[in-house]
Amino acid sequence: RVWKTDTIIDRTRNYTITGAPRVYNGKVLIGNGGAEYGVRGYITAFDYKSGQKSWRWFSVPGAPNKAYENASMKKAAKTWDNSAEFWKAGGGGTIWDSMAFDPELNLVYVGVGNGSPWSQKIRSPKGGDNLYLSSVVALNADSGEYHCHYQTTPGDTWDYTATQQIILDDIELDGKKRKVFMQAPKNGFFFVVDRTDCSFISAKPFVKVTWATGHDKNGKAIVAKGARYENGSTYEAVPSAYGGHNWHSMSFNRKTGLVYLPTQGIPLTYTDDPNWKLNTQVAGQAMSGMGWNLGVVFNKVPPKEKPFGQLLAWDPVKQKPAWKVQYASPWNGGTLTTAGDLVFQGTADGRFIAYDATSGKSLWQTPVGTGVVAAPITWEHKGKQYVSIAVGWGGVYGQLQRATETAGPGRIYTFAVGDTAKMPALVKRDPAKLLTGVAYKKEDFGPGAGLYVANCLFCHGVPGVNNGGNIQNLGYSDKATIENLYDIVLTDALQEKGMPNFKGKLTKEQTKQISAFIQGVADSLKPKPKK
């Protein structure tokens, strides 16, 4: 080891780091995650030789009784409502994925995430744009000084992060070359923005969008009536918090002029949660037992939209699709496009496919055993071209659902034209059988439901309803596991597999109530005997 440094400046808050660093001009650039956990977002550049901090830029303002770090924070503070003391929940705005460097302009572009909590009504009750949430921000690469920004979702209240990939290029618009950045964030619009000054050029929906009706002449989103789910109303926002496009990489081909974009729909409805309190576990509040701060109740009214997944070839000049391919499921992998007029993508249903980049015609495919979320890469060795892809299933949707009946360990596959190595055997999953035989008290079912939603839902899904992704759906567990749930939940028994220890958060009696809910739901799904 040459050096190490702690990038977290406030250990009283529950930050995560889930994104890769970027390296440019002798600097290592890294952000952080965890907006749901009640944090204040920022990004830091470190000297690549020593690990010493070069600069740091915060994405949202702090408490008003302290001096703002710079002019950009003073500007941002005017767009927040102080009455709710938003800084106690951090404000959010974590910068956990997309970053891009323009050496000619000496600017770095960073994508900023969602607010903390999600609900703007709680976070900033009088409204406001809440800068710089859900924005792409350009910073001076040497000093980190703010240069300009474009906000993709003003006053975000739907978890529409702008942390998806940022593509920098010079494209011809109205007969003139423009230096632009392009982004397709969660909110469903494809944006083309001037990267010299962050001025708006165009935006068009690449999937169905209901939360906004379009953009004004300055590029500000026009929010649809009712979309902010005010006054206790429920709203089905399209796209949902899963995004019309999430972190699965898009790619741009200068030869075809097209962007190859994994798009999707995963339905959710939103309702404000009037009982939300910061860092407090409340039965029925989604993942509050895991430290999530949302201020939103999901699917209080069932959504009407249907899930879908597709590969979309998007023309950023015409702002419309050139071709598309429909898939069996959402959550398909990132894309790679090559100078050989190809597009490669792994799919949720366990295939790796090559398409003609111009027409979208499928040219080649192979099964890979499990769903794919990563993007492929291409490389050359001794004059021979290879394509490699990391195959494995996961992510917030992949924890709950899957689209394959085969399973496999995480693998890296490498392919080349003409090679004939034998693929590893595909492994069939064991048939799913609903949980049977766990004795429970009927009066434990209701309390168990609330505890399950607060602690288990986003990982294990609804028992017996979700089919289980890379984490088992507990409605298909064996009897002994659920009867003795406390032996897992209140210990480190499965810590190495990612299962946290809930000792001190849940009691043995509460785990029994959770068991009652799991068995009760499984029982309700079984065929009823004929009378």
Protein backbone atom coordinates (compact mmCIF):
# COMPACT_ATOMS: atom_id res chain seq x y z
CA ARG A 1 0.00 0.00 0.00
CA VAL A 2 1.28 3.45 -0.95
CA TRP A 3 -1.28 5.49 1.00
CA LYS A 4 -4.83 5.46 2.31
CA THR A 5 -7.15 8.25 3.38
CA ASP A 6 -10.55 8.46 5.04
CA THR A 7 -12.86 10.27 2.62
CA ILE A 8 -15.72 10.57 5.16
CA ILE A 9 -15.65 13.84 7.06
CA ASP A 10 -18.50 13.18 9.50
CA ARG A 11 -18.51 9.74 11.12
CA THR A 12 -21.71 10.53 13.02
CA ARG A 13 -23.56 10.08 9.71
CA ASN A 14 -24.00 6.86 7.75
CA TYR A 15 -22.16 7.48 4.49
CA THR A 16 -21.43 4.76 1.97
CA ILE A 17 -18.99 4.65 -0.94
CA THR A 18 -20.43 2.61 -3.80
CA GLY A 19 -18.95 4.33 -6.87
CA ALA A 20 -15.56 4.08 -8.53
CA PRO A 21 -13.01 6.90 -8.29
CA ARG A 22 -11.81 8.75 -11.41
CA VAL A 23 -8.22 9.79 -12.03
CA TYR A 24 -7.10 12.82 -14.06
CA ASN A 25 -4.13 15.22 -14.05
CA GLY A 26 -2.58 13.71 -10.93
CA LYS A 27 -5.82 13.80 -8.95
CA VAL A 28 -8.09 11.05 -7.63
CA LEU A 29 -11.74 12.11 -7.59
CA ILE A 30 -14.21 10.31 -5.32
CA GLY A 31 -17.70 11.06 -4.05
CA ASN A 32 -19.92 9.10 -1.68
CA GLY A 33 -23.35 7.56 -1.37
CA GLY A 34 -26.03 7.17 1.25
CA ALA A 35 -28.44 10.08 0.76
CA GLU A 36 -31.19 7.86 2.18
CA TYR A 37 -29.20 7.55 5.41
CA GLY A 38 -29.31 11.27 6.14
CA VAL A 39 -26.04 12.72 4.85
CA ARG A 40 -24.72 15.84 3.11
CA GLY A 41 -23.23 15.15 -0.30
CA TYR A 42 -19.80 16.27 -1.48
CA ILE A 43 -16.96 15.27 -3.76
CA THR A 44 -13.23 15.34 -3.01
CA ALA A 45 -10.08 15.41 -5.13
CA PHE A 46 -6.94 13.86 -3.62
CA ASP A 47 -3.34 14.07 -4.79
CA TYR A 48 -2.60 10.75 -6.47
CA LYS A 49 0.94 10.49 -5.01
CA SER A 50 0.29 11.43 -1.39
CA GLY A 51 -3.44 11.04 -0.81
CA GLN A 52 -3.63 14.58 0.55
CA LYS A 53 -6.83 16.50 -0.12
CA SER A 54 -6.57 18.88 -3.09
CA TRP A 55 -10.11 20.27 -2.92
CA ARG A 56 -13.65 19.46 -1.83
CA TRP A 57 -17.01 20.70 -3.11
CA PHE A 58 -20.32 20.27 -1.28
CA SER A 59 -23.46 19.69 -3.33
CA VAL A 60 -26.02 21.17 -0.89
CA PRO A 61 -25.80 23.94 1.72
CA GLY A 62 -25.32 23.29 5.41
CA ALA A 63 -26.89 25.00 8.41
CA PRO A 64 -27.42 28.76 7.87
CA ASN A 65 -25.77 29.70 11.17
CA LYS A 66 -22.42 28.64 9.74
CA ALA A 67 -20.48 30.45 7.05
CA TYR A 68 -21.16 28.96 3.63
CA GLU A 69 -18.08 27.30 2.15
CA ASN A 70 -18.21 29.26 -1.10
CA ALA A 71 -20.43 31.40 -3.35
CA SER A 72 -22.11 28.34 -4.89
CA MET A 73 -23.36 27.25 -1.46
CA LYS A 74 -24.66 30.75 -0.72
CA LYS A 75 -26.50 30.64 -4.05
CA ALA A 76 -27.91 27.19 -3.32
CA ALA A 77 -29.16 28.21 0.15
CA LYS A 78 -31.65 30.61 -1.45
CA THR A 79 -33.40 27.64 -3.09
CA TRP A 80 -34.09 25.74 0.17
CA ASP A 81 -36.67 26.32 2.88
CA ASN A 82 -34.93 26.59 6.25
CA SER A 83 -38.11 26.14 8.28
CA ALA A 84 -37.78 22.34 8.31
CA GLU A 85 -34.07 22.52 9.27
CA PHE A 86 -33.20 20.27 6.33
CA TRP A 87 -29.51 20.14 7.29
CA LYS A 88 -30.35 17.86 10.24
CA ALA A 89 -31.07 15.14 7.67
CA GLY A 90 -28.00 16.21 5.69
CA GLY A 91 -29.96 17.37 2.65
CA GLY A 92 -28.65 14.55 0.48
CA GLY A 93 -27.12 15.22 -2.92
CA THR A 94 -24.54 12.45 -2.83
CA ILE A 95 -22.21 12.18 -5.83
CA TRP A 96 -21.77 8.44 -6.15
CA ASP A 97 -21.32 7.55 -9.81
CA SER A 98 -21.06 9.76 -12.85
CA MET A 99 -18.04 12.01 -13.32
CA ALA A 100 -16.43 13.18 -16.57
CA PHE A 101 -13.33 15.28 -17.33
CA ASP A 102 -12.90 17.72 -20.22
CA PRO A 103 -9.15 18.44 -20.59
CA GLU A 104 -9.72 21.22 -23.13
CA LEU A 105 -12.06 23.20 -20.88
CA ASN A 106 -10.31 21.96 -17.70
CA LEU A 107 -13.67 21.12 -16.16
CA VAL A 108 -14.98 18.06 -14.34
CA TYR A 109 -18.68 17.28 -14.58
CA VAL A 110 -20.33 15.50 -11.65
CA GLY A 111 -23.81 14.06 -11.37
CA VAL A 112 -25.62 14.84 -8.11
CA GLY A 113 -28.14 12.53 -6.44
CA ASN A 114 -31.45 12.78 -4.59
CA GLY A 115 -32.51 14.66 -1.48
CA SER A 116 -32.63 13.49 2.12
CA PRO A 117 -35.38 12.65 2.86
CA TRP A 118 -36.87 11.93 -0.56
CA SER A 119 -40.08 13.86 0.07
CA GLN A 120 -39.62 17.55 -0.67
CA LYS A 121 -42.71 18.36 1.38
CA ILE A 122 -40.80 17.22 4.47
CA ARG A 123 -37.33 18.34 3.39
CA SER A 124 -38.23 21.81 2.08
CA PRO A 125 -41.97 22.37 2.72
CA LYS A 126 -42.19 25.74 0.97
CA GLY A 127 -40.68 24.24 -2.17
CA GLY A 128 -37.74 25.68 -4.06
CA ASP A 129 -35.36 24.11 -6.57
CA ASN A 130 -33.14 22.69 -3.78
CA LEU A 131 -29.84 23.16 -5.56
CA TYR A 132 -27.79 21.22 -6.43
CA LEU A 133 -29.89 18.09 -6.05
CA SER A 134 -30.46 16.11 -9.27
CA SER A 135 -28.05 18.29 -11.24
CA VAL A 136 -24.97 18.02 -13.40
CA VAL A 137 -22.39 20.45 -12.04
CA ALA A 138 -19.22 21.63 -13.80
CA LEU A 139 -16.26 22.36 -11.51
CA ASN A 140 -12.79 23.73 -12.18
CA ALA A 141 -10.60 20.63 -12.40
CA ASP A 142 -7.66 22.24 -10.56
CA SER A 143 -9.47 24.01 -7.73
CA GLY A 144 -12.94 22.47 -7.51
CA GLU A 145 -14.47 25.93 -7.88
CA TYR A 146 -18.07 25.95 -9.17
CA HIS A 147 -18.36 26.87 -12.87
CA CYS A 148 -21.98 26.16 -13.86
CA HIS A 149 -24.79 23.63 -13.48
CA TYR A 150 -27.90 22.25 -15.11
CA GLN A 151 -30.64 20.84 -12.87
CA THR A 152 -32.46 17.93 -14.46
CA THR A 153 -35.17 17.72 -11.74
CA PRO A 154 -35.90 20.92 -9.77
CA GLY A 155 -37.16 20.24 -6.25
CA ASP A 156 -36.75 16.48 -6.63
CA THR A 157 -39.26 14.44 -4.64
CA TRP A 158 -39.18 11.16 -6.64
CA ASP A 159 -35.53 10.01 -6.19
CA TYR A 160 -34.64 11.17 -9.69
CA THR A 161 -30.88 11.20 -9.30
CA ALA A 162 -28.69 12.76 -12.00
CA THR A 163 -25.88 10.33 -11.23
CA GLN A 164 -26.25 8.44 -14.51
CA GLN A 165 -23.46 8.58 -17.12
CA ILE A 166 -22.39 11.92 -18.60
CA ILE A 167 -21.17 11.75 -22.22
CA LEU A 168 -19.02 14.63 -23.48
CA ASP A 169 -18.75 15.23 -27.21
CA ASP A 170 -18.93 17.82 -29.96
CA ILE A 171 -22.02 17.29 -32.09
CA GLU A 172 -23.52 19.25 -34.97
CA LEU A 173 -26.74 21.07 -34.12
CA ASP A 174 -28.43 23.44 -36.58
CA GLY A 175 -25.35 23.41 -38.78
CA LYS A 176 -22.91 24.29 -35.98
CA LYS A 177 -20.60 22.17 -33.84
CA ARG A 178 -21.57 22.42 -30.17
CA LYS A 179 -19.61 21.25 -27.17
CA VAL A 180 -22.24 19.33 -25.22
CA PHE A 181 -22.79 16.90 -22.45
CA MET A 182 -25.53 14.31 -22.80
CA GLN A 183 -27.32 12.53 -19.98
CA ALA A 184 -30.31 10.21 -19.62
CA PRO A 185 -31.02 10.36 -15.88
CA LYS A 186 -33.68 8.51 -13.93
CA ASN A 187 -36.40 11.08 -14.68
CA GLY A 188 -36.97 9.82 -18.24
CA PHE A 189 -35.73 12.80 -20.30
CA PHE A 190 -32.69 12.70 -22.56
CA PHE A 191 -30.78 15.98 -22.09
CA VAL A 192 -28.40 17.75 -24.44
CA VAL A 193 -26.70 20.66 -22.66
CA ASP A 194 -23.92 23.07 -23.67
CA ARG A 195 -20.97 22.01 -21.58
CA THR A 196 -19.16 25.35 -21.76
CA ASP A 197 -21.81 27.19 -19.73
CA CYS A 198 -24.44 24.51 -18.84
CA SER A 199 -27.08 26.25 -20.95
CA PHE A 200 -30.05 24.12 -22.00
CA ILE A 201 -30.24 22.91 -25.60
CA SER A 202 -32.94 20.21 -25.65
CA ALA A 203 -34.73 17.50 -23.70
CA LYS A 204 -37.14 14.81 -24.86
CA PRO A 205 -38.63 11.80 -23.04
CA PHE A 206 -36.95 8.50 -23.94
CA VAL A 207 -39.62 6.54 -22.00
CA LYS A 208 -43.13 7.40 -20.91
CA VAL A 209 -43.04 10.40 -18.53
CA THR A 210 -45.95 11.62 -16.38
CA TRP A 211 -44.27 13.71 -13.66
CA ALA A 212 -43.52 16.61 -16.06
CA THR A 213 -45.18 17.90 -19.22
CA GLY A 214 -42.02 19.33 -20.78
CA HIS A 215 -39.54 22.17 -20.28
CA ASP A 216 -39.76 25.96 -20.54
CA LYS A 217 -37.45 28.04 -22.76
CA ASN A 218 -34.78 28.04 -20.04
CA GLY A 219 -34.88 24.27 -19.73
CA LYS A 220 -36.72 24.09 -16.43
CA ALA A 221 -39.06 21.14 -16.05
CA ILE A 222 -42.78 21.91 -15.98
CA VAL A 223 -44.09 19.65 -13.22
CA ALA A 224 -47.47 18.00 -13.84
CA LYS A 225 -50.39 18.77 -11.56
CA GLY A 226 -50.51 16.37 -8.62
CA ALA A 227 -47.12 14.85 -9.36
CA ARG A 228 -45.72 16.01 -6.01
CA TYR A 229 -48.35 13.86 -4.21
CA GLU A 230 -49.37 16.76 -1.92
CA ASN A 231 -52.02 16.73 0.82
CA GLY A 232 -51.97 13.01 1.38
CA SER A 233 -52.69 12.15 -2.24
CA THR A 234 -51.11 9.18 -4.00
CA TYR A 235 -49.35 9.57 -7.34
CA GLU A 236 -47.93 7.00 -9.73
CA ALA A 237 -44.83 8.74 -10.99
CA VAL A 238 -43.53 7.50 -14.32
CA PRO A 239 -40.69 6.72 -14.37
CA SER A 240 -40.51 5.51 -10.78
CA ALA A 241 -37.59 5.76 -8.37
CA TYR A 242 -36.03 2.78 -10.18
CA GLY A 243 -35.56 5.15 -13.12
CA GLY A 244 -36.31 5.10 -16.82
CA HIS A 245 -32.54 4.59 -16.95
CA ASN A 246 -30.46 3.78 -13.90
CA TRP A 247 -26.72 3.18 -13.43
CA HIS A 248 -26.48 0.59 -16.25
CA SER A 249 -24.08 2.28 -18.66
CA MET A 250 -25.14 3.87 -21.91
CA SER A 251 -22.61 4.31 -24.74
CA PHE A 252 -22.17 6.68 -27.69
CA ASN A 253 -20.98 5.79 -31.20
CA ARG A 254 -19.61 8.74 -33.20
CA LYS A 255 -19.88 6.73 -36.43
CA THR A 256 -23.64 6.13 -36.13
CA GLY A 257 -24.29 9.23 -34.04
CA LEU A 258 -26.45 7.14 -31.70
CA VAL A 259 -26.53 6.57 -27.95
CA TYR A 260 -27.28 3.00 -26.86
CA LEU A 261 -29.39 3.21 -23.76
CA PRO A 262 -30.76 0.49 -21.41
CA THR A 263 -34.27 1.73 -20.54
CA GLN A 264 -36.95 0.32 -18.27
CA GLY A 265 -40.10 0.76 -16.26
CA ILE A 266 -40.64 -0.58 -12.73
CA PRO A 267 -43.96 0.73 -11.34
CA LEU A 268 -44.36 2.48 -7.96
CA THR A 269 -46.88 4.83 -6.40
CA TYR A 270 -45.88 7.54 -3.91
CA THR A 271 -47.70 8.88 -0.85
CA ASP A 272 -46.28 11.31 1.72
CA ASP A 273 -45.57 9.78 5.11
CA PRO A 274 -46.69 12.23 7.84
CA ASN A 275 -45.19 10.02 10.58
CA TRP A 276 -41.61 10.18 9.33
CA LYS A 277 -38.91 11.13 11.82
CA LEU A 278 -35.18 11.26 11.14
CA ASN A 279 -33.29 8.01 11.81
CA THR A 280 -36.28 6.42 13.57
CA GLN A 281 -37.49 2.89 13.04
CA VAL A 282 -41.24 2.89 12.56
CA ALA A 283 -43.18 -0.24 11.68
CA GLY A 284 -44.47 0.04 8.13
CA GLN A 285 -41.96 2.69 7.02
CA ALA A 286 -39.90 1.15 4.24
CA MET A 287 -36.46 0.13 5.50
CA SER A 288 -36.52 2.57 8.40
CA GLY A 289 -34.99 -0.19 10.53
CA MET A 290 -32.00 -0.12 8.19
CA GLY A 291 -31.55 3.63 8.57
CA TRP A 292 -33.43 4.74 5.45
CA ASN A 293 -35.03 8.20 5.57
CA LEU A 294 -37.60 8.46 2.79
CA GLY A 295 -40.73 10.23 4.05
CA VAL A 296 -42.63 8.27 1.40
CA VAL A 297 -45.01 5.31 1.51
CA PHE A 298 -44.86 3.10 -1.58
CA ASN A 299 -47.75 1.33 -3.29
CA LYS A 300 -50.38 2.39 -0.77
CA VAL A 301 -52.48 2.32 -3.93
CA PRO A 302 -51.33 -0.38 -6.38
CA PRO A 303 -49.61 0.96 -9.53
CA LYS A 304 -51.28 0.57 -12.92
CA GLU A 305 -48.19 0.62 -15.15
CA LYS A 306 -46.56 -2.63 -16.29
CA PRO A 307 -42.84 -3.39 -15.92
CA PHE A 308 -40.70 -3.49 -19.06
CA GLY A 309 -37.11 -3.46 -20.24
CA GLN A 310 -35.62 -2.48 -23.57
CA LEU A 311 -32.48 -1.45 -25.44
CA LEU A 312 -32.97 1.92 -27.09
CA ALA A 313 -30.81 3.43 -29.84
CA TRP A 314 -31.31 7.17 -29.36
CA ASP A 315 -30.46 9.97 -31.79
CA PRO A 316 -29.36 12.94 -29.62
CA VAL A 317 -29.59 15.43 -32.51
CA LYS A 318 -33.12 14.50 -33.59
CA GLN A 319 -34.02 13.62 -29.98
CA LYS A 320 -35.88 10.47 -30.99
CA PRO A 321 -35.29 6.71 -31.12
CA ALA A 322 -33.61 5.13 -34.15
CA TRP A 323 -34.52 1.58 -33.10
CA LYS A 324 -35.38 -0.42 -30.01
CA VAL A 325 -35.36 -4.02 -28.74
CA GLN A 326 -37.86 -5.25 -26.16
CA TYR A 327 -36.72 -7.54 -23.32
CA ALA A 328 -38.43 -9.93 -20.95
CA SER A 329 -37.58 -7.91 -17.83
CA PRO A 330 -36.28 -4.57 -16.56
CA TRP A 331 -32.73 -4.18 -15.18
CA ASN A 332 -30.71 -5.17 -18.25
CA GLY A 333 -26.97 -4.58 -18.43
CA GLY A 334 -24.92 -1.65 -19.64
CA THR A 335 -23.95 -1.31 -23.30
CA LEU A 336 -20.74 -1.27 -25.32
CA THR A 337 -20.56 0.05 -28.88
CA THR A 338 -17.57 -0.44 -31.17
CA ALA A 339 -16.09 1.05 -34.33
CA GLY A 340 -17.01 -2.23 -36.02
CA ASP A 341 -20.66 -1.09 -35.99
CA LEU A 342 -21.66 -3.37 -33.12
CA VAL A 343 -23.52 -2.98 -29.83
CA PHE A 344 -23.01 -5.54 -27.05
CA GLN A 345 -25.31 -5.96 -24.05
CA GLY A 346 -26.02 -8.52 -21.36
CA THR A 347 -29.65 -9.06 -20.37
CA ALA A 348 -31.69 -9.74 -17.27
CA ASP A 349 -32.78 -13.09 -18.75
CA GLY A 350 -29.21 -14.37 -18.92
CA ARG A 351 -28.01 -13.69 -22.46
CA PHE A 352 -25.06 -11.81 -23.97
CA ILE A 353 -26.02 -10.32 -27.35
CA ALA A 354 -24.36 -8.47 -30.22
CA TYR A 355 -26.47 -6.15 -32.40
CA ASP A 356 -25.89 -4.25 -35.60
CA ALA A 357 -25.38 -0.68 -34.30
CA THR A 358 -27.14 0.91 -37.27
CA SER A 359 -30.19 -1.33 -37.65
CA GLY A 360 -30.57 -3.07 -34.29
CA LYS A 361 -30.52 -6.51 -35.94
CA SER A 362 -29.42 -9.29 -33.57
CA LEU A 363 -26.20 -10.82 -34.95
CA TRP A 364 -25.03 -13.22 -32.22
CA GLN A 365 -25.95 -14.32 -28.71
CA THR A 366 -24.99 -16.83 -26.03
CA PRO A 367 -26.48 -17.88 -22.68
CA VAL A 368 -24.41 -16.85 -19.66
CA GLY A 369 -26.32 -18.52 -16.83
CA THR A 370 -27.69 -15.60 -14.86
CA GLY A 371 -28.83 -12.01 -15.34
CA VAL A 372 -26.31 -9.33 -16.32
CA VAL A 373 -26.15 -5.76 -15.02
CA ALA A 374 -22.56 -4.79 -15.88
CA ALA A 375 -21.38 -3.27 -19.16
CA PRO A 376 -18.94 -5.20 -21.38
CA ILE A 377 -15.49 -3.98 -22.42
CA THR A 378 -13.42 -4.64 -25.54
CA TRP A 379 -9.64 -4.96 -25.65
CA GLU A 380 -6.83 -6.14 -27.91
CA HIS A 381 -3.90 -8.49 -27.38
CA LYS A 382 -1.32 -9.33 -30.06
CA GLY A 383 -3.60 -8.00 -32.77
CA LYS A 384 -6.66 -9.97 -31.67
CA GLN A 385 -9.83 -8.30 -30.35
CA TYR A 386 -11.62 -9.64 -27.29
CA VAL A 387 -14.87 -8.74 -25.58
CA SER A 388 -15.21 -9.40 -21.84
CA ILE A 389 -18.20 -9.10 -19.53
CA ALA A 390 -18.71 -9.56 -15.79
CA VAL A 391 -21.82 -11.68 -15.31
CA GLY A 392 -23.71 -11.49 -12.03
CA TRP A 393 -27.12 -10.39 -10.82
CA GLY A 394 -27.96 -7.79 -8.21
CA GLY A 395 -28.74 -4.17 -7.46
CA VAL A 396 -31.85 -2.94 -5.70
CA TYR A 397 -34.25 -4.52 -8.21
CA GLY A 398 -32.06 -7.59 -8.75
CA GLN A 399 -32.20 -8.38 -5.04
CA LEU A 400 -35.96 -8.90 -5.27
CA GLN A 401 -36.65 -10.26 -8.75
CA ARG A 402 -35.00 -12.34 -11.43
CA ALA A 403 -35.75 -13.33 -15.00
CA THR A 404 -33.76 -16.60 -15.19
CA GLU A 405 -34.35 -20.11 -13.91
CA THR A 406 -30.63 -20.83 -14.06
CA ALA A 407 -28.15 -19.69 -11.44
CA GLY A 408 -24.44 -19.33 -11.26
CA PRO A 409 -21.58 -17.71 -9.43
CA GLY A 410 -20.25 -14.36 -10.57
CA ARG A 411 -18.06 -14.96 -13.61
CA ILE A 412 -16.07 -12.99 -16.17
CA TYR A 413 -16.57 -14.32 -19.69
CA THR A 414 -14.26 -13.41 -22.56
CA PHE A 415 -15.19 -13.92 -26.23
CA ALA A 416 -13.30 -13.66 -29.52
CA VAL A 417 -14.23 -14.40 -33.11
CA GLY A 418 -13.36 -18.00 -33.98
CA ASP A 419 -12.56 -19.23 -30.48
CA THR A 420 -14.12 -22.51 -29.36
CA ALA A 421 -13.59 -22.84 -25.58
CA LYS A 422 -16.40 -24.72 -23.84
CA MET A 423 -18.81 -22.62 -21.79
CA PRO A 424 -19.38 -23.66 -18.16
CA ALA A 425 -22.53 -25.67 -17.50
CA LEU A 426 -25.70 -23.79 -16.56
CA VAL A 427 -27.15 -24.70 -13.19
CA LYS A 428 -30.91 -25.03 -12.80
CA ARG A 429 -32.42 -23.42 -9.73
CA ASP A 430 -34.20 -25.68 -7.27
CA PRO A 431 -37.98 -25.55 -7.74
CA ALA A 432 -39.50 -22.88 -5.52
CA LYS A 433 -41.88 -24.25 -2.90
CA LEU A 434 -43.96 -21.98 -0.71
CA LEU A 435 -43.14 -22.07 2.98
CA THR A 436 -45.28 -24.52 4.93
CA GLY A 437 -45.82 -25.55 8.53
CA VAL A 438 -44.49 -22.69 10.68
CA ALA A 439 -46.85 -22.34 13.64
CA TYR A 440 -47.74 -18.76 14.56
CA LYS A 441 -50.24 -16.62 16.40
CA LYS A 442 -52.70 -14.80 14.17
CA GLU A 443 -52.37 -11.67 16.30
CA ASP A 444 -48.65 -11.54 15.38
CA PHE A 445 -49.37 -11.17 11.65
CA GLY A 446 -50.16 -7.41 11.68
CA PRO A 447 -47.20 -6.33 13.84
CA GLY A 448 -44.99 -8.67 11.83
CA ALA A 449 -46.06 -6.99 8.58
CA GLY A 450 -44.97 -3.57 9.86
CA LEU A 451 -41.63 -4.91 11.11
CA TYR A 452 -41.04 -6.74 7.83
CA VAL A 453 -41.58 -3.58 5.77
CA ALA A 454 -39.27 -1.61 8.08
CA ASN A 455 -36.43 -4.13 8.06
CA CYS A 456 -36.67 -6.76 5.32
CA LEU A 457 -38.70 -5.61 2.32
CA PHE A 458 -36.14 -4.03 -0.03
CA CYS A 459 -33.82 -7.03 0.21
CA HIS A 460 -36.16 -10.03 0.43
CA GLY A 461 -39.25 -8.69 -1.35
CA VAL A 462 -42.85 -9.59 -0.54
CA PRO A 463 -42.90 -13.21 0.72
CA GLY A 464 -43.97 -15.55 -2.06
CA VAL A 465 -44.93 -12.66 -4.37
CA ASN A 466 -41.52 -11.50 -5.55
CA ASN A 467 -39.60 -14.50 -6.87
CA GLY A 468 -36.26 -13.67 -5.25
CA GLY A 469 -33.29 -12.24 -7.07
CA ASN A 470 -29.75 -12.67 -5.77
CA ILE A 471 -31.26 -12.70 -2.25
CA GLN A 472 -33.71 -15.43 -1.28
CA ASN A 473 -37.39 -14.61 -1.04
CA LEU A 474 -38.31 -15.76 2.47
CA GLY A 475 -41.69 -17.05 1.34
CA TYR A 476 -39.75 -19.88 -0.32
CA SER A 477 -37.56 -20.70 2.68
CA ASP A 478 -37.51 -24.02 4.51
CA LYS A 479 -39.56 -24.40 7.68
CA ALA A 480 -36.58 -24.62 10.06
CA THR A 481 -35.12 -21.33 8.85
CA ILE A 482 -38.28 -19.31 9.53
CA GLU A 483 -39.10 -21.12 12.79
CA ASN A 484 -35.66 -20.17 14.10
CA LEU A 485 -35.36 -16.82 12.35
CA TYR A 486 -33.86 -15.21 15.45
CA ASP A 487 -30.78 -17.47 15.13
CA ILE A 488 -29.98 -15.63 11.90
CA VAL A 489 -31.44 -12.18 12.44
CA LEU A 490 -29.94 -11.60 15.91
CA THR A 491 -26.49 -13.07 15.20
CA ASP A 492 -23.62 -12.81 12.72
CA ALA A 493 -24.52 -16.22 11.24
CA LEU A 494 -24.85 -14.94 7.65
CA GLN A 495 -22.81 -11.77 7.92
CA GLU A 496 -20.33 -12.95 5.27
CA LYS A 497 -23.24 -13.24 2.84
CA GLY A 498 -24.36 -9.67 3.57
CA MET A 499 -27.02 -10.34 6.21
CA PRO A 500 -26.72 -7.71 8.98
CA ASN A 501 -27.05 -8.47 12.68
CA PHE A 502 -30.21 -6.86 14.10
CA LYS A 503 -29.28 -7.43 17.74
CA GLY A 504 -30.34 -4.34 19.68
CA LYS A 505 -32.73 -3.32 16.89
CA LEU A 506 -35.12 -6.27 17.04
CA THR A 507 -36.09 -8.64 19.83
CA LYS A 508 -36.62 -12.39 19.69
CA GLU A 509 -40.35 -11.77 20.08
CA GLN A 510 -40.33 -9.39 17.11
CA THR A 511 -38.57 -11.96 14.93
CA LYS A 512 -41.40 -14.34 15.83
CA GLN A 513 -43.87 -11.70 14.60
CA ILE A 514 -41.91 -11.38 11.35
CA SER A 515 -42.04 -15.17 10.99
CA ALA A 516 -45.82 -15.00 11.44
CA PHE A 517 -46.10 -12.49 8.61
CA ILE A 518 -43.92 -14.55 6.27
CA GLN A 519 -45.87 -17.77 6.89
CA GLY A 520 -49.21 -15.97 6.83
CA VAL A 521 -48.54 -14.42 3.41
CA ALA A 522 -47.27 -17.76 2.06
CA ASP A 523 -50.45 -19.45 3.31
CA SER A 524 -52.62 -16.85 1.58
CA LEU A 525 -50.98 -17.63 -1.75
CA LYS A 526 -51.59 -21.36 -1.67
CA PRO A 527 -54.52 -22.81 -3.63
CA LYS A 528 -57.62 -23.09 -1.49
CA PRO A 529 -59.12 -26.57 -1.17
CA LYS A 530 -62.40 -27.05 -2.98
CA LYS A 531 -65.44 -27.26 -0.72
